[in-house]
Amino acid sequence: KQWYQRRVAVGSSVLNHESESDELRPLARHITKVMESVRTKLREQCLRDVACYPEELVDTLRWFDYNWAEFEFSYVSRMCPVKSTEELYQQHITTILFSETTAEALKERVITE
């Protein structure tokens, strides 16, 4: 799963998505640095006490999780069409209206199941 982040960070482009890859490159480099920091802190903690997770390490893991989620969202939203909140709301309303119209048509026997 992490292959795309590393490849984009070092300058590779996703096939047919060169401009999107260029946009993601700074974020990919950032997440690579974050990952290196997390690995270092985890390695140091493992050498101390594997049964203990100090608050600093937990905070680092939360920081990594936030940054990784940000990178994944940016990656997906650039590589795949993602609907805005408004588009999702309009789709939801259309579904409700269609459902209500279908229910009313069944009730009035305009259509049958």
PDB file of N, CA and C in Angstrom:
ATOM      1  N   LYS A   1       0.818  -1.190   0.000  1.00  0.00           N
ATOM      2  CA  LYS A   1       0.000   0.000   0.000  1.00  0.00           C
ATOM      3  C   LYS A   1       0.864   1.257   0.000  1.00  0.00           C
ATOM      4  N   GLN A   2       2.033   1.180   0.554  1.00  0.00           N
ATOM      5  CA  GLN A   2       2.872   2.363   0.664  1.00  0.00           C
ATOM      6  C   GLN A   2       3.732   2.591  -0.577  1.00  0.00           C
ATOM      7  N   TRP A   3       3.678   1.711  -1.546  1.00  0.00           N
ATOM      8  CA  TRP A   3       4.542   1.837  -2.713  1.00  0.00           C
ATOM      9  C   TRP A   3       4.306   3.130  -3.465  1.00  0.00           C
ATOM     10  N   TYR A   4       3.045   3.548  -3.627  1.00  0.00           N
ATOM     11  CA  TYR A   4       2.772   4.743  -4.418  1.00  0.00           C
ATOM     12  C   TYR A   4       3.308   5.991  -3.740  1.00  0.00           C
ATOM     13  N   GLN A   5       3.215   6.042  -2.423  1.00  0.00           N
ATOM     14  CA  GLN A   5       3.731   7.197  -1.688  1.00  0.00           C
ATOM     15  C   GLN A   5       5.234   7.323  -1.904  1.00  0.00           C
ATOM     16  N   ARG A   6       5.960   6.222  -1.814  1.00  0.00           N
ATOM     17  CA  ARG A   6       7.414   6.264  -1.977  1.00  0.00           C
ATOM     18  C   ARG A   6       7.806   6.588  -3.411  1.00  0.00           C
ATOM     19  N   ARG A   7       7.117   5.992  -4.372  1.00  0.00           N
ATOM     20  CA  ARG A   7       7.436   6.243  -5.781  1.00  0.00           C
ATOM     21  C   ARG A   7       7.156   7.684  -6.165  1.00  0.00           C
ATOM     22  N   VAL A   8       6.013   8.217  -5.704  1.00  0.00           N
ATOM     23  CA  VAL A   8       5.692   9.610  -6.008  1.00  0.00           C
ATOM     24  C   VAL A   8       6.696  10.536  -5.330  1.00  0.00           C
ATOM     25  N   ALA A   9       7.093  10.198  -4.108  1.00  0.00           N
ATOM     26  CA  ALA A   9       8.031  11.041  -3.359  1.00  0.00           C
ATOM     27  C   ALA A   9       9.365  11.171  -4.070  1.00  0.00           C
ATOM     28  N   VAL A  10       9.830  10.102  -4.716  1.00  0.00           N
ATOM     29  CA  VAL A  10      11.141  10.152  -5.370  1.00  0.00           C
ATOM     30  C   VAL A  10      11.073  10.645  -6.809  1.00  0.00           C
ATOM     31  N   GLY A  11       9.866  10.982  -7.278  1.00  0.00           N
ATOM     32  CA  GLY A  11       9.770  11.590  -8.599  1.00  0.00           C
ATOM     33  C   GLY A  11       9.075  10.768  -9.650  1.00  0.00           C
ATOM     34  N   SER A  12       8.674   9.545  -9.333  1.00  0.00           N
ATOM     35  CA  SER A  12       7.938   8.753 -10.306  1.00  0.00           C
ATOM     36  C   SER A  12       6.535   9.334 -10.472  1.00  0.00           C
ATOM     37  N   SER A  13       5.925   9.031 -11.593  1.00  0.00           N
ATOM     38  CA  SER A  13       4.561   9.475 -11.841  1.00  0.00           C
ATOM     39  C   SER A  13       3.670   8.273 -12.052  1.00  0.00           C
ATOM     40  N   VAL A  14       2.421   8.420 -11.630  1.00  0.00           N
ATOM     41  CA  VAL A  14       1.436   7.381 -11.868  1.00  0.00           C
ATOM     42  C   VAL A  14       1.037   7.490 -13.335  1.00  0.00           C
ATOM     43  N   LEU A  15       1.027   6.385 -14.041  1.00  0.00           N
ATOM     44  CA  LEU A  15       0.729   6.354 -15.462  1.00  0.00           C
ATOM     45  C   LEU A  15      -0.551   7.117 -15.774  1.00  0.00           C
ATOM     46  N   ASN A  16      -0.481   7.999 -16.741  1.00  0.00           N
ATOM     47  CA  ASN A  16      -1.604   8.826 -17.196  1.00  0.00           C
ATOM     48  C   ASN A  16      -2.086   9.825 -16.147  1.00  0.00           C
ATOM     49  N   HIS A  17      -1.302  10.042 -15.107  1.00  0.00           N
ATOM     50  CA  HIS A  17      -1.652  11.009 -14.065  1.00  0.00           C
ATOM     51  C   HIS A  17      -0.408  11.819 -13.665  1.00  0.00           C
ATOM     52  N   GLU A  18       0.313  12.305 -14.663  1.00  0.00           N
ATOM     53  CA  GLU A  18       1.563  13.000 -14.379  1.00  0.00           C
ATOM     54  C   GLU A  18       1.342  14.289 -13.588  1.00  0.00           C
ATOM     55  N   SER A  19       0.358  15.092 -13.992  1.00  0.00           N
ATOM     56  CA  SER A  19       0.143  16.364 -13.283  1.00  0.00           C
ATOM     57  C   SER A  19      -0.332  16.118 -11.851  1.00  0.00           C
ATOM     58  N   GLU A  20      -1.175  15.095 -11.664  1.00  0.00           N
ATOM     59  CA  GLU A  20      -1.628  14.758 -10.314  1.00  0.00           C
ATOM     60  C   GLU A  20      -0.462  14.291  -9.457  1.00  0.00           C
ATOM     61  N   SER A  21       0.435  13.520 -10.072  1.00  0.00           N
ATOM     62  CA  SER A  21       1.623  13.054  -9.349  1.00  0.00           C
ATOM     63  C   SER A  21       2.491  14.231  -8.931  1.00  0.00           C
ATOM     64  N   ASP A  22       2.619  15.212  -9.822  1.00  0.00           N
ATOM     65  CA  ASP A  22       3.398  16.409  -9.481  1.00  0.00           C
ATOM     66  C   ASP A  22       2.783  17.143  -8.300  1.00  0.00           C
ATOM     67  N   GLU A  23       1.444  17.215  -8.259  1.00  0.00           N
ATOM     68  CA  GLU A  23       0.760  17.885  -7.157  1.00  0.00           C
ATOM     69  C   GLU A  23       0.963  17.136  -5.838  1.00  0.00           C
ATOM     70  N   LEU A  24       1.026  15.815  -5.912  1.00  0.00           N
ATOM     71  CA  LEU A  24       1.149  14.995  -4.708  1.00  0.00           C
ATOM     72  C   LEU A  24       2.569  14.899  -4.177  1.00  0.00           C
ATOM     73  N   ARG A  25       3.546  15.202  -5.018  1.00  0.00           N
ATOM     74  CA  ARG A  25       4.945  14.985  -4.653  1.00  0.00           C
ATOM     75  C   ARG A  25       5.351  15.632  -3.323  1.00  0.00           C
ATOM     76  N   PRO A  26       5.030  16.902  -3.061  1.00  0.00           N
ATOM     77  CA  PRO A  26       5.428  17.477  -1.761  1.00  0.00           C
ATOM     78  C   PRO A  26       4.798  16.742  -0.575  1.00  0.00           C
ATOM     79  N   LEU A  27       3.539  16.372  -0.701  1.00  0.00           N
ATOM     80  CA  LEU A  27       2.874  15.638   0.373  1.00  0.00           C
ATOM     81  C   LEU A  27       3.480  14.245   0.540  1.00  0.00           C
ATOM     82  N   ALA A  28       3.841  13.605  -0.566  1.00  0.00           N
ATOM     83  CA  ALA A  28       4.468  12.278  -0.507  1.00  0.00           C
ATOM     84  C   ALA A  28       5.834  12.363   0.178  1.00  0.00           C
ATOM     85  N   ARG A  29       6.589  13.417  -0.124  1.00  0.00           N
ATOM     86  CA  ARG A  29       7.881  13.593   0.552  1.00  0.00           C
ATOM     87  C   ARG A  29       7.680  13.807   2.045  1.00  0.00           C
ATOM     88  N   HIS A  30       6.663  14.606   2.386  1.00  0.00           N
ATOM     89  CA  HIS A  30       6.376  14.868   3.801  1.00  0.00           C
ATOM     90  C   HIS A  30       6.008  13.576   4.532  1.00  0.00           C
ATOM     91  N   ILE A  31       5.121  12.779   3.940  1.00  0.00           N
ATOM     92  CA  ILE A  31       4.684  11.550   4.622  1.00  0.00           C
ATOM     93  C   ILE A  31       5.840  10.557   4.732  1.00  0.00           C
ATOM     94  N   THR A  32       6.758  10.579   3.783  1.00  0.00           N
ATOM     95  CA  THR A  32       7.944   9.716   3.870  1.00  0.00           C
ATOM     96  C   THR A  32       8.800  10.122   5.070  1.00  0.00           C
ATOM     97  N   LYS A  33       8.974  11.425   5.279  1.00  0.00           N
ATOM     98  CA  LYS A  33       9.741  11.895   6.448  1.00  0.00           C
ATOM     99  C   LYS A  33       9.026  11.544   7.747  1.00  0.00           C
ATOM    100  N   VAL A  34       7.707  11.705   7.751  1.00  0.00           N
ATOM    101  CA  VAL A  34       6.918  11.359   8.938  1.00  0.00           C
ATOM    102  C   VAL A  34       7.090   9.875   9.249  1.00  0.00           C
ATOM    103  N   MET A  35       7.026   9.040   8.202  1.00  0.00           N
ATOM    104  CA  MET A  35       7.162   7.599   8.386  1.00  0.00           C
ATOM    105  C   MET A  35       8.542   7.238   8.935  1.00  0.00           C
ATOM    106  N   GLU A  36       9.574   7.902   8.448  1.00  0.00           N
ATOM    107  CA  GLU A  36      10.920   7.650   8.958  1.00  0.00           C
ATOM    108  C   GLU A  36      11.017   8.024  10.434  1.00  0.00           C
ATOM    109  N   SER A  37      10.390   9.129  10.811  1.00  0.00           N
ATOM    110  CA  SER A  37      10.386   9.556  12.215  1.00  0.00           C
ATOM    111  C   SER A  37       9.669   8.532  13.091  1.00  0.00           C
ATOM    112  N   VAL A  38       8.538   8.045  12.622  1.00  0.00           N
ATOM    113  CA  VAL A  38       7.774   7.048  13.379  1.00  0.00           C
ATOM    114  C   VAL A  38       8.579   5.767  13.533  1.00  0.00           C
ATOM    115  N   ARG A  39       9.213   5.316  12.466  1.00  0.00           N
ATOM    116  CA  ARG A  39      10.031   4.099  12.532  1.00  0.00           C
ATOM    117  C   ARG A  39      11.148   4.242  13.548  1.00  0.00           C
ATOM    118  N   THR A  40      11.795   5.395  13.534  1.00  0.00           N
ATOM    119  CA  THR A  40      12.890   5.636  14.471  1.00  0.00           C
ATOM    120  C   THR A  40      12.388   5.574  15.906  1.00  0.00           C
ATOM    121  N   LYS A  41      11.288   6.260  16.189  1.00  0.00           N
ATOM    122  CA  LYS A  41      10.751   6.276  17.554  1.00  0.00           C
ATOM    123  C   LYS A  41      10.272   4.896  17.987  1.00  0.00           C
ATOM    124  N   LEU A  42       9.656   4.148  17.074  1.00  0.00           N
ATOM    125  CA  LEU A  42       9.214   2.787  17.411  1.00  0.00           C
ATOM    126  C   LEU A  42      10.406   1.877  17.680  1.00  0.00           C
ATOM    127  N   ARG A  43      11.439   1.999  16.858  1.00  0.00           N
ATOM    128  CA  ARG A  43      12.644   1.184  17.056  1.00  0.00           C
ATOM    129  C   ARG A  43      13.285   1.494  18.403  1.00  0.00           C
ATOM    130  N   GLU A  44      13.390   2.788  18.728  1.00  0.00           N
ATOM    131  CA  GLU A  44      13.969   3.178  20.020  1.00  0.00           C
ATOM    132  C   GLU A  44      13.142   2.634  21.183  1.00  0.00           C
ATOM    133  N   GLN A  45      11.818   2.691  21.054  1.00  0.00           N
ATOM    134  CA  GLN A  45      10.946   2.209  22.125  1.00  0.00           C
ATOM    135  C   GLN A  45      11.050   0.697  22.272  1.00  0.00           C
ATOM    136  N   CYS A  46      11.172  -0.015  21.172  1.00  0.00           N
ATOM    137  CA  CYS A  46      11.305  -1.477  21.226  1.00  0.00           C
ATOM    138  C   CYS A  46      12.582  -1.892  21.949  1.00  0.00           C
ATOM    139  N   LEU A  47      13.615  -1.092  21.813  1.00  0.00           N
ATOM    140  CA  LEU A  47      14.868  -1.402  22.493  1.00  0.00           C
ATOM    141  C   LEU A  47      14.792  -1.095  23.990  1.00  0.00           C
ATOM    142  N   ARG A  48      13.849  -0.223  24.365  1.00  0.00           N
ATOM    143  CA  ARG A  48      13.676   0.124  25.784  1.00  0.00           C
ATOM    144  C   ARG A  48      12.720  -0.854  26.456  1.00  0.00           C
ATOM    145  N   ASP A  49      11.452  -0.788  26.062  1.00  0.00           N
ATOM    146  CA  ASP A  49      10.420  -1.587  26.723  1.00  0.00           C
ATOM    147  C   ASP A  49       9.253  -1.768  25.766  1.00  0.00           C
ATOM    148  N   VAL A  50       9.090  -2.978  25.231  1.00  0.00           N
ATOM    149  CA  VAL A  50       8.026  -3.221  24.250  1.00  0.00           C
ATOM    150  C   VAL A  50       6.638  -3.208  24.879  1.00  0.00           C
ATOM    151  N   ALA A  51       6.554  -3.320  26.188  1.00  0.00           N
ATOM    152  CA  ALA A  51       5.248  -3.353  26.859  1.00  0.00           C
ATOM    153  C   ALA A  51       4.746  -1.955  27.215  1.00  0.00           C
ATOM    154  N   CYS A  52       5.567  -0.944  27.007  1.00  0.00           N
ATOM    155  CA  CYS A  52       5.206   0.417  27.404  1.00  0.00           C
ATOM    156  C   CYS A  52       5.140   1.321  26.182  1.00  0.00           C
ATOM    157  N   TYR A  53       4.090   2.110  26.117  1.00  0.00           N
ATOM    158  CA  TYR A  53       3.936   3.082  25.042  1.00  0.00           C
ATOM    159  C   TYR A  53       3.755   4.462  25.651  1.00  0.00           C
ATOM    160  N   PRO A  54       4.837   5.226  25.792  1.00  0.00           N
ATOM    161  CA  PRO A  54       4.744   6.555  26.401  1.00  0.00           C
ATOM    162  C   PRO A  54       3.846   7.479  25.561  1.00  0.00           C
ATOM    163  N   GLU A  55       3.320   8.493  26.203  1.00  0.00           N
ATOM    164  CA  GLU A  55       2.409   9.434  25.542  1.00  0.00           C
ATOM    165  C   GLU A  55       3.057  10.071  24.313  1.00  0.00           C
ATOM    166  N   GLU A  56       4.347  10.338  24.380  1.00  0.00           N
ATOM    167  CA  GLU A  56       5.053  10.931  23.236  1.00  0.00           C
ATOM    168  C   GLU A  56       4.969  10.010  22.010  1.00  0.00           C
ATOM    169  N   LEU A  57       5.131   8.708  22.227  1.00  0.00           N
ATOM    170  CA  LEU A  57       5.039   7.755  21.126  1.00  0.00           C
ATOM    171  C   LEU A  57       3.606   7.672  20.598  1.00  0.00           C
ATOM    172  N   VAL A  58       2.641   7.668  21.484  1.00  0.00           N
ATOM    173  CA  VAL A  58       1.232   7.643  21.074  1.00  0.00           C
ATOM    174  C   VAL A  58       0.918   8.894  20.257  1.00  0.00           C
ATOM    175  N   ASP A  59       1.405  10.050  20.699  1.00  0.00           N
ATOM    176  CA  ASP A  59       1.195  11.294  19.953  1.00  0.00           C
ATOM    177  C   ASP A  59       1.827  11.210  18.560  1.00  0.00           C
ATOM    178  N   THR A  60       3.014  10.616  18.483  1.00  0.00           N
ATOM    179  CA  THR A  60       3.693  10.457  17.195  1.00  0.00           C
ATOM    180  C   THR A  60       2.873   9.560  16.269  1.00  0.00           C
ATOM    181  N   LEU A  61       2.318   8.484  16.819  1.00  0.00           N
ATOM    182  CA  LEU A  61       1.494   7.594  16.008  1.00  0.00           C
ATOM    183  C   LEU A  61       0.217   8.289  15.527  1.00  0.00           C
ATOM    184  N   ARG A  62      -0.377   9.098  16.388  1.00  0.00           N
ATOM    185  CA  ARG A  62      -1.561   9.880  15.982  1.00  0.00           C
ATOM    186  C   ARG A  62      -1.190  10.866  14.878  1.00  0.00           C
ATOM    187  N   TRP A  63      -0.049  11.506  15.027  1.00  0.00           N
ATOM    188  CA  TRP A  63       0.441  12.466  14.037  1.00  0.00           C
ATOM    189  C   TRP A  63       0.641  11.773  12.689  1.00  0.00           C
ATOM    190  N   PHE A  64       1.248  10.578  12.739  1.00  0.00           N
ATOM    191  CA  PHE A  64       1.442   9.803  11.518  1.00  0.00           C
ATOM    192  C   PHE A  64       0.095   9.431  10.900  1.00  0.00           C
ATOM    193  N   ASP A  65      -0.827   8.965  11.718  1.00  0.00           N
ATOM    194  CA  ASP A  65      -2.138   8.559  11.225  1.00  0.00           C
ATOM    195  C   ASP A  65      -2.841   9.722  10.523  1.00  0.00           C
ATOM    196  N   TYR A  66      -2.787  10.898  11.118  1.00  0.00           N
ATOM    197  CA  TYR A  66      -3.399  12.084  10.518  1.00  0.00           C
ATOM    198  C   TYR A  66      -2.755  12.396   9.168  1.00  0.00           C
ATOM    199  N   ASN A  67      -1.428  12.404   9.137  1.00  0.00           N
ATOM    200  CA  ASN A  67      -0.708  12.723   7.900  1.00  0.00           C
ATOM    201  C   ASN A  67      -0.927  11.663   6.827  1.00  0.00           C
ATOM    202  N   TRP A  68      -0.966  10.394   7.223  1.00  0.00           N
ATOM    203  CA  TRP A  68      -1.207   9.324   6.259  1.00  0.00           C
ATOM    204  C   TRP A  68      -2.613   9.446   5.675  1.00  0.00           C
ATOM    205  N   ALA A  69      -3.605   9.717   6.512  1.00  0.00           N
ATOM    206  CA  ALA A  69      -4.978   9.884   6.033  1.00  0.00           C
ATOM    207  C   ALA A  69      -5.069  11.064   5.076  1.00  0.00           C
ATOM    208  N   GLU A  70      -4.367  12.131   5.394  1.00  0.00           N
ATOM    209  CA  GLU A  70      -4.360  13.306   4.511  1.00  0.00           C
ATOM    210  C   GLU A  70      -3.759  12.950   3.149  1.00  0.00           C
ATOM    211  N   PHE A  71      -2.653  12.195   3.160  1.00  0.00           N
ATOM    212  CA  PHE A  71      -2.036  11.788   1.907  1.00  0.00           C
ATOM    213  C   PHE A  71      -2.970  10.876   1.110  1.00  0.00           C
ATOM    214  N   GLU A  72      -3.558   9.891   1.762  1.00  0.00           N
ATOM    215  CA  GLU A  72      -4.457   8.970   1.052  1.00  0.00           C
ATOM    216  C   GLU A  72      -5.648   9.705   0.462  1.00  0.00           C
ATOM    217  N   PHE A  73      -6.238  10.626   1.224  1.00  0.00           N
ATOM    218  CA  PHE A  73      -7.368  11.383   0.706  1.00  0.00           C
ATOM    219  C   PHE A  73      -6.938  12.212  -0.498  1.00  0.00           C
ATOM    220  N   SER A  74      -5.795  12.865  -0.403  1.00  0.00           N
ATOM    221  CA  SER A  74      -5.299  13.668  -1.518  1.00  0.00           C
ATOM    222  C   SER A  74      -5.035  12.798  -2.740  1.00  0.00           C
ATOM    223  N   TYR A  75      -4.451  11.631  -2.509  1.00  0.00           N
ATOM    224  CA  TYR A  75      -4.160  10.711  -3.609  1.00  0.00           C
ATOM    225  C   TYR A  75      -5.449  10.270  -4.299  1.00  0.00           C
ATOM    226  N   VAL A  76      -6.386   9.782  -3.520  1.00  0.00           N
ATOM    227  CA  VAL A  76      -7.636   9.276  -4.093  1.00  0.00           C
ATOM    228  C   VAL A  76      -8.413  10.393  -4.773  1.00  0.00           C
ATOM    229  N   SER A  77      -8.489  11.557  -4.152  1.00  0.00           N
ATOM    230  CA  SER A  77      -9.281  12.636  -4.739  1.00  0.00           C
ATOM    231  C   SER A  77      -8.669  13.165  -6.034  1.00  0.00           C
ATOM    232  N   ARG A  78      -7.364  13.000  -6.214  1.00  0.00           N
ATOM    233  CA  ARG A  78      -6.740  13.427  -7.465  1.00  0.00           C
ATOM    234  C   ARG A  78      -6.797  12.338  -8.541  1.00  0.00           C
ATOM    235  N   MET A  79      -6.772  11.089  -8.136  1.00  0.00           N
ATOM    236  CA  MET A  79      -6.727   9.993  -9.099  1.00  0.00           C
ATOM    237  C   MET A  79      -8.113   9.475  -9.481  1.00  0.00           C
ATOM    238  N   CYS A  80      -9.104   9.709  -8.653  1.00  0.00           N
ATOM    239  CA  CYS A  80     -10.456   9.208  -8.899  1.00  0.00           C
ATOM    240  C   CYS A  80     -11.439  10.361  -8.751  1.00  0.00           C
ATOM    241  N   PRO A  81     -12.507  10.325  -9.531  1.00  0.00           N
ATOM    242  CA  PRO A  81     -13.510  11.376  -9.341  1.00  0.00           C
ATOM    243  C   PRO A  81     -14.164  11.227  -7.965  1.00  0.00           C
ATOM    244  N   VAL A  82     -14.108  12.292  -7.181  1.00  0.00           N
ATOM    245  CA  VAL A  82     -14.694  12.289  -5.847  1.00  0.00           C
ATOM    246  C   VAL A  82     -15.787  13.346  -5.830  1.00  0.00           C
ATOM    247  N   LYS A  83     -16.946  12.970  -5.321  1.00  0.00           N
ATOM    248  CA  LYS A  83     -18.063  13.899  -5.275  1.00  0.00           C
ATOM    249  C   LYS A  83     -17.905  14.861  -4.107  1.00  0.00           C
ATOM    250  N   SER A  84     -18.348  16.079  -4.340  1.00  0.00           N
ATOM    251  CA  SER A  84     -18.353  17.066  -3.264  1.00  0.00           C
ATOM    252  C   SER A  84     -19.509  16.764  -2.319  1.00  0.00           C
ATOM    253  N   THR A  85     -19.525  17.434  -1.191  1.00  0.00           N
ATOM    254  CA  THR A  85     -20.609  17.276  -0.221  1.00  0.00           C
ATOM    255  C   THR A  85     -21.941  17.638  -0.868  1.00  0.00           C
ATOM    256  N   GLU A  86     -21.939  18.704  -1.645  1.00  0.00           N
ATOM    257  CA  GLU A  86     -23.168  19.149  -2.321  1.00  0.00           C
ATOM    258  C   GLU A  86     -23.651  18.099  -3.329  1.00  0.00           C
ATOM    259  N   GLU A  87     -22.724  17.523  -4.086  1.00  0.00           N
ATOM    260  CA  GLU A  87     -23.111  16.481  -5.058  1.00  0.00           C
ATOM    261  C   GLU A  87     -23.702  15.264  -4.345  1.00  0.00           C
ATOM    262  N   LEU A  88     -23.095  14.872  -3.239  1.00  0.00           N
ATOM    263  CA  LEU A  88     -23.617  13.743  -2.475  1.00  0.00           C
ATOM    264  C   LEU A  88     -25.001  14.053  -1.917  1.00  0.00           C
ATOM    265  N   TYR A  89     -25.193  15.286  -1.427  1.00  0.00           N
ATOM    266  CA  TYR A  89     -26.491  15.697  -0.896  1.00  0.00           C
ATOM    267  C   TYR A  89     -27.550  15.664  -1.997  1.00  0.00           C
ATOM    268  N   GLN A  90     -27.223  16.193  -3.169  1.00  0.00           N
ATOM    269  CA  GLN A  90     -28.173  16.203  -4.284  1.00  0.00           C
ATOM    270  C   GLN A  90     -28.525  14.774  -4.712  1.00  0.00           C
ATOM    271  N   GLN A  91     -27.543  13.891  -4.713  1.00  0.00           N
ATOM    272  CA  GLN A  91     -27.796  12.486  -5.051  1.00  0.00           C
ATOM    273  C   GLN A  91     -28.719  11.864  -3.998  1.00  0.00           C
ATOM    274  N   HIS A  92     -28.493  12.177  -2.749  1.00  0.00           N
ATOM    275  CA  HIS A  92     -29.318  11.668  -1.658  1.00  0.00           C
ATOM    276  C   HIS A  92     -30.767  12.154  -1.809  1.00  0.00           C
ATOM    277  N   ILE A  93     -30.937  13.447  -2.064  1.00  0.00           N
ATOM    278  CA  ILE A  93     -32.277  14.019  -2.237  1.00  0.00           C
ATOM    279  C   ILE A  93     -32.975  13.396  -3.446  1.00  0.00           C
ATOM    280  N   THR A  94     -32.255  13.219  -4.521  1.00  0.00           N
ATOM    281  CA  THR A  94     -32.839  12.600  -5.722  1.00  0.00           C
ATOM    282  C   THR A  94     -33.288  11.176  -5.422  1.00  0.00           C
ATOM    283  N   THR A  95     -32.485  10.452  -4.671  1.00  0.00           N
ATOM    284  CA  THR A  95     -32.844   9.077  -4.290  1.00  0.00           C
ATOM    285  C   THR A  95     -34.110   9.073  -3.441  1.00  0.00           C
ATOM    286  N   ILE A  96     -34.197   9.997  -2.498  1.00  0.00           N
ATOM    287  CA  ILE A  96     -35.402  10.086  -1.653  1.00  0.00           C
ATOM    288  C   ILE A  96     -36.628  10.412  -2.496  1.00  0.00           C
ATOM    289  N   LEU A  97     -36.484  11.398  -3.377  1.00  0.00           N
ATOM    290  CA  LEU A  97     -37.622  11.784  -4.222  1.00  0.00           C
ATOM    291  C   LEU A  97     -38.059  10.630  -5.118  1.00  0.00           C
ATOM    292  N   PHE A  98     -37.094   9.927  -5.678  1.00  0.00           N
ATOM    293  CA  PHE A  98     -37.424   8.790  -6.524  1.00  0.00           C
ATOM    294  C   PHE A  98     -38.139   7.716  -5.705  1.00  0.00           C
ATOM    295  N   SER A  99     -37.628   7.469  -4.496  1.00  0.00           N
ATOM    296  CA  SER A  99     -38.230   6.475  -3.624  1.00  0.00           C
ATOM    297  C   SER A  99     -39.662   6.862  -3.256  1.00  0.00           C
ATOM    298  N   GLU A 100     -39.863   8.144  -2.885  1.00  0.00           N
ATOM    299  CA  GLU A 100     -41.206   8.620  -2.535  1.00  0.00           C
ATOM    300  C   GLU A 100     -42.150   8.559  -3.733  1.00  0.00           C
ATOM    301  N   THR A 101     -41.638   8.915  -4.902  1.00  0.00           N
ATOM    302  CA  THR A 101     -42.451   8.867  -6.118  1.00  0.00           C
ATOM    303  C   THR A 101     -42.843   7.433  -6.441  1.00  0.00           C
ATOM    304  N   THR A 102     -41.898   6.513  -6.293  1.00  0.00           N
ATOM    305  CA  THR A 102     -42.184   5.107  -6.552  1.00  0.00           C
ATOM    306  C   THR A 102     -43.214   4.580  -5.556  1.00  0.00           C
ATOM    307  N   ALA A 103     -43.047   4.930  -4.291  1.00  0.00           N
ATOM    308  CA  ALA A 103     -44.008   4.481  -3.264  1.00  0.00           C
ATOM    309  C   ALA A 103     -45.399   5.025  -3.556  1.00  0.00           C
ATOM    310  N   GLU A 104     -45.492   6.281  -3.925  1.00  0.00           N
ATOM    311  CA  GLU A 104     -46.792   6.893  -4.253  1.00  0.00           C
ATOM    312  C   GLU A 104     -47.399   6.242  -5.491  1.00  0.00           C
ATOM    313  N   ALA A 105     -46.588   5.964  -6.506  1.00  0.00           N
ATOM    314  CA  ALA A 105     -47.082   5.316  -7.726  1.00  0.00           C
ATOM    315  C   ALA A 105     -47.594   3.910  -7.425  1.00  0.00           C
ATOM    316  N   LEU A 106     -46.911   3.196  -6.545  1.00  0.00           N
ATOM    317  CA  LEU A 106     -47.390   1.870  -6.145  1.00  0.00           C
ATOM    318  C   LEU A 106     -48.706   1.984  -5.385  1.00  0.00           C
ATOM    319  N   LYS A 107     -48.794   2.942  -4.496  1.00  0.00           N
ATOM    320  CA  LYS A 107     -50.001   3.153  -3.704  1.00  0.00           C
ATOM    321  C   LYS A 107     -51.194   3.478  -4.593  1.00  0.00           C
ATOM    322  N   GLU A 108     -50.974   4.307  -5.593  1.00  0.00           N
ATOM    323  CA  GLU A 108     -52.039   4.721  -6.503  1.00  0.00           C
ATOM    324  C   GLU A 108     -52.247   3.722  -7.649  1.00  0.00           C
ATOM    325  N   ARG A 109     -51.484   2.644  -7.618  1.00  0.00           N
ATOM    326  CA  ARG A 109     -51.540   1.584  -8.626  1.00  0.00           C
ATOM    327  C   ARG A 109     -51.213   2.092 -10.043  1.00  0.00           C
ATOM    328  N   VAL A 110     -50.386   3.106 -10.109  1.00  0.00           N
ATOM    329  CA  VAL A 110     -49.903   3.601 -11.396  1.00  0.00           C
ATOM    330  C   VAL A 110     -48.897   2.590 -11.969  1.00  0.00           C
ATOM    331  N   ILE A 111     -48.142   1.970 -11.037  1.00  0.00           N
ATOM    332  CA  ILE A 111     -47.215   0.900 -11.397  1.00  0.00           C
ATOM    333  C   ILE A 111     -47.440  -0.272 -10.458  1.00  0.00           C
ATOM    334  N   THR A 112     -46.930  -1.427 -10.830  1.00  0.00           N
ATOM    335  CA  THR A 112     -47.010  -2.587  -9.966  1.00  0.00           C
ATOM    336  C   THR A 112     -45.619  -3.117  -9.703  1.00  0.00           C
ATOM    337  N   GLU A 113     -45.542  -3.895  -8.648  1.00  0.00           N
ATOM    338  CA  GLU A 113     -44.241  -4.489  -8.312  1.00  0.00           C
ATOM    339  C   GLU A 113     -43.932  -5.554  -9.332  1.00  0.00           C
TER     340      GLU A 113
END
